[in-house]
Amino acid sequence: MADETQGDFFERVHDWVRQVPTGFVTTYGDVAEALGARSAARTVGWALNGAPPDVPCQRVVNRDGALTGRRAFGDPNLMRELLLIEGVTFTDDGRVDLARHRWPGPDGVTAPTVGRA
């Protein structure tokens, strides 16, 4: 990320998140790692704040499946409602069931989540 502007990185985040299919989620850390910036999970979150309307931001959750981006949706329940409409299921503690809905990425390999948000 050192050789590109923040705006360029944000656009790459938007482009990558647009690929996440309906019914699946990814994590901030997965996006960061896929873009070659493993330690930039928070920057991925910033990129999604104010993203264009065609970016399915609801499909990005934290490494534990928690809906940490819901404040950006105005209504704290909207992120969950959008995911439910898409068929995403939740565990008893309110987290996305990552075992069922975590998108492996366009190459089919989900990045490890140890130590990432």
Protein backbone atom coordinates (compact mmCIF):
# COMPACT_ATOMS: atom_id res chain seq x y z
CA MET A 1 0.00 0.00 0.00
CA ALA A 2 3.00 2.30 0.42
CA ASP A 3 3.26 2.90 -3.35
CA GLU A 4 -0.36 3.85 -3.91
CA THR A 5 -2.57 6.66 -2.69
CA GLN A 6 -5.29 6.07 -0.14
CA GLY A 7 -7.88 6.76 -2.84
CA ASP A 8 -6.39 4.08 -5.08
CA PHE A 9 -6.48 1.58 -2.22
CA PHE A 10 -10.08 2.51 -1.39
CA GLU A 11 -11.09 1.92 -5.02
CA ARG A 12 -9.36 -1.47 -5.00
CA VAL A 13 -11.29 -2.34 -1.80
CA HIS A 14 -14.57 -1.33 -3.47
CA ASP A 15 -13.77 -3.38 -6.57
CA TRP A 16 -12.89 -6.45 -4.49
CA VAL A 17 -15.98 -6.23 -2.27
CA ARG A 18 -18.20 -5.91 -5.35
CA GLN A 19 -17.14 -9.48 -6.20
CA VAL A 20 -18.50 -11.01 -2.96
CA PRO A 21 -21.58 -13.00 -4.04
CA THR A 22 -25.00 -12.70 -2.47
CA GLY A 23 -25.30 -15.03 0.52
CA PHE A 24 -21.61 -14.81 1.40
CA VAL A 25 -19.42 -12.55 3.52
CA THR A 26 -15.75 -11.77 3.77
CA THR A 27 -13.71 -10.18 6.56
CA TYR A 28 -11.85 -6.88 6.68
CA GLY A 29 -8.63 -8.85 7.06
CA ASP A 30 -9.40 -11.12 4.11
CA VAL A 31 -9.88 -8.08 1.89
CA ALA A 32 -6.68 -6.44 3.16
CA GLU A 33 -4.65 -9.61 2.61
CA ALA A 34 -6.12 -10.20 -0.83
CA LEU A 35 -5.00 -6.70 -1.79
CA GLY A 36 -1.49 -7.29 -0.50
CA ALA A 37 -1.85 -5.13 2.60
CA ARG A 38 -2.26 -7.70 5.37
CA SER A 39 -2.08 -5.17 8.21
CA ALA A 40 -4.62 -2.80 6.66
CA ALA A 41 -7.90 -4.32 7.94
CA ARG A 42 -8.91 -1.02 9.58
CA THR A 43 -8.16 0.85 6.38
CA VAL A 44 -10.52 -1.53 4.59
CA GLY A 45 -13.20 -0.45 7.08
CA TRP A 46 -12.48 3.21 6.38
CA ALA A 47 -12.70 2.50 2.65
CA LEU A 48 -16.16 1.03 3.13
CA ASN A 49 -17.39 4.02 5.12
CA GLY A 50 -18.92 6.20 2.45
CA ALA A 51 -18.43 3.63 -0.33
CA PRO A 52 -20.56 4.03 -3.45
CA PRO A 53 -24.04 2.49 -3.19
CA ASP A 54 -23.15 -0.40 -5.52
CA VAL A 55 -20.59 -1.75 -3.03
CA PRO A 56 -22.26 -4.43 -0.84
CA CYS A 57 -20.62 -3.26 2.40
CA GLN A 58 -22.94 -5.44 4.48
CA ARG A 59 -20.96 -8.44 3.22
CA VAL A 60 -17.82 -7.43 5.15
CA VAL A 61 -17.66 -8.48 8.81
CA ASN A 62 -14.93 -8.81 11.40
CA ARG A 63 -12.84 -11.96 11.77
CA ASP A 64 -15.32 -13.40 14.29
CA GLY A 65 -18.39 -12.74 12.14
CA ALA A 66 -19.51 -9.74 14.20
CA LEU A 67 -21.31 -6.90 12.41
CA THR A 68 -18.89 -4.12 13.34
CA GLY A 69 -19.80 -1.93 10.35
CA ARG A 70 -23.46 -1.52 11.22
CA ARG A 71 -23.03 2.08 12.46
CA ALA A 72 -22.28 3.12 8.88
CA PHE A 73 -25.75 1.95 7.84
CA GLY A 74 -27.62 4.53 9.94
CA ASP A 75 -29.89 1.90 11.49
CA PRO A 76 -28.02 -0.54 13.76
CA ASN A 77 -30.18 -3.42 12.49
CA LEU A 78 -29.98 -2.69 8.76
CA MET A 79 -26.72 -4.57 8.16
CA ARG A 80 -28.16 -7.70 9.75
CA GLU A 81 -31.46 -7.32 7.89
CA LEU A 82 -29.68 -7.00 4.53
CA LEU A 83 -27.66 -10.14 5.22
CA LEU A 84 -30.76 -12.06 6.32
CA ILE A 85 -32.51 -11.10 3.07
CA GLU A 86 -29.49 -12.50 1.21
CA GLY A 87 -29.83 -15.82 3.08
CA VAL A 88 -26.94 -15.37 5.48
CA THR A 89 -27.48 -17.17 8.79
CA PHE A 90 -26.27 -16.24 12.24
CA THR A 91 -25.04 -18.15 15.26
CA ASP A 92 -26.87 -18.02 18.59
CA ASP A 93 -24.61 -15.18 19.74
CA GLY A 94 -25.57 -13.00 16.74
CA ARG A 95 -22.48 -13.48 14.59
CA VAL A 96 -22.48 -14.49 10.94
CA ASP A 97 -22.00 -18.24 10.59
CA LEU A 98 -18.60 -17.98 8.89
CA ALA A 99 -18.33 -21.74 8.48
CA ARG A 100 -21.30 -21.57 6.09
CA HIS A 101 -21.05 -18.12 4.55
CA ARG A 102 -17.41 -17.06 4.38
CA TRP A 103 -16.49 -16.42 0.76
CA PRO A 104 -13.22 -18.07 -0.24
CA GLY A 105 -12.40 -15.23 -2.62
CA PRO A 106 -12.18 -15.27 -6.38
CA ASP A 107 -9.30 -17.75 -6.25
CA GLY A 108 -11.18 -20.09 -3.90
CA VAL A 109 -8.75 -19.75 -0.99
CA THR A 110 -9.81 -17.87 2.14
CA ALA A 111 -6.94 -16.18 3.90
CA PRO A 112 -6.24 -17.28 7.50
CA THR A 113 -7.85 -15.06 10.13
CA VAL A 114 -5.41 -15.41 13.01
CA GLY A 115 -4.58 -12.01 14.45
CA ARG A 116 -6.65 -10.01 11.96
CA ALA A 117 -9.87 -8.04 12.12
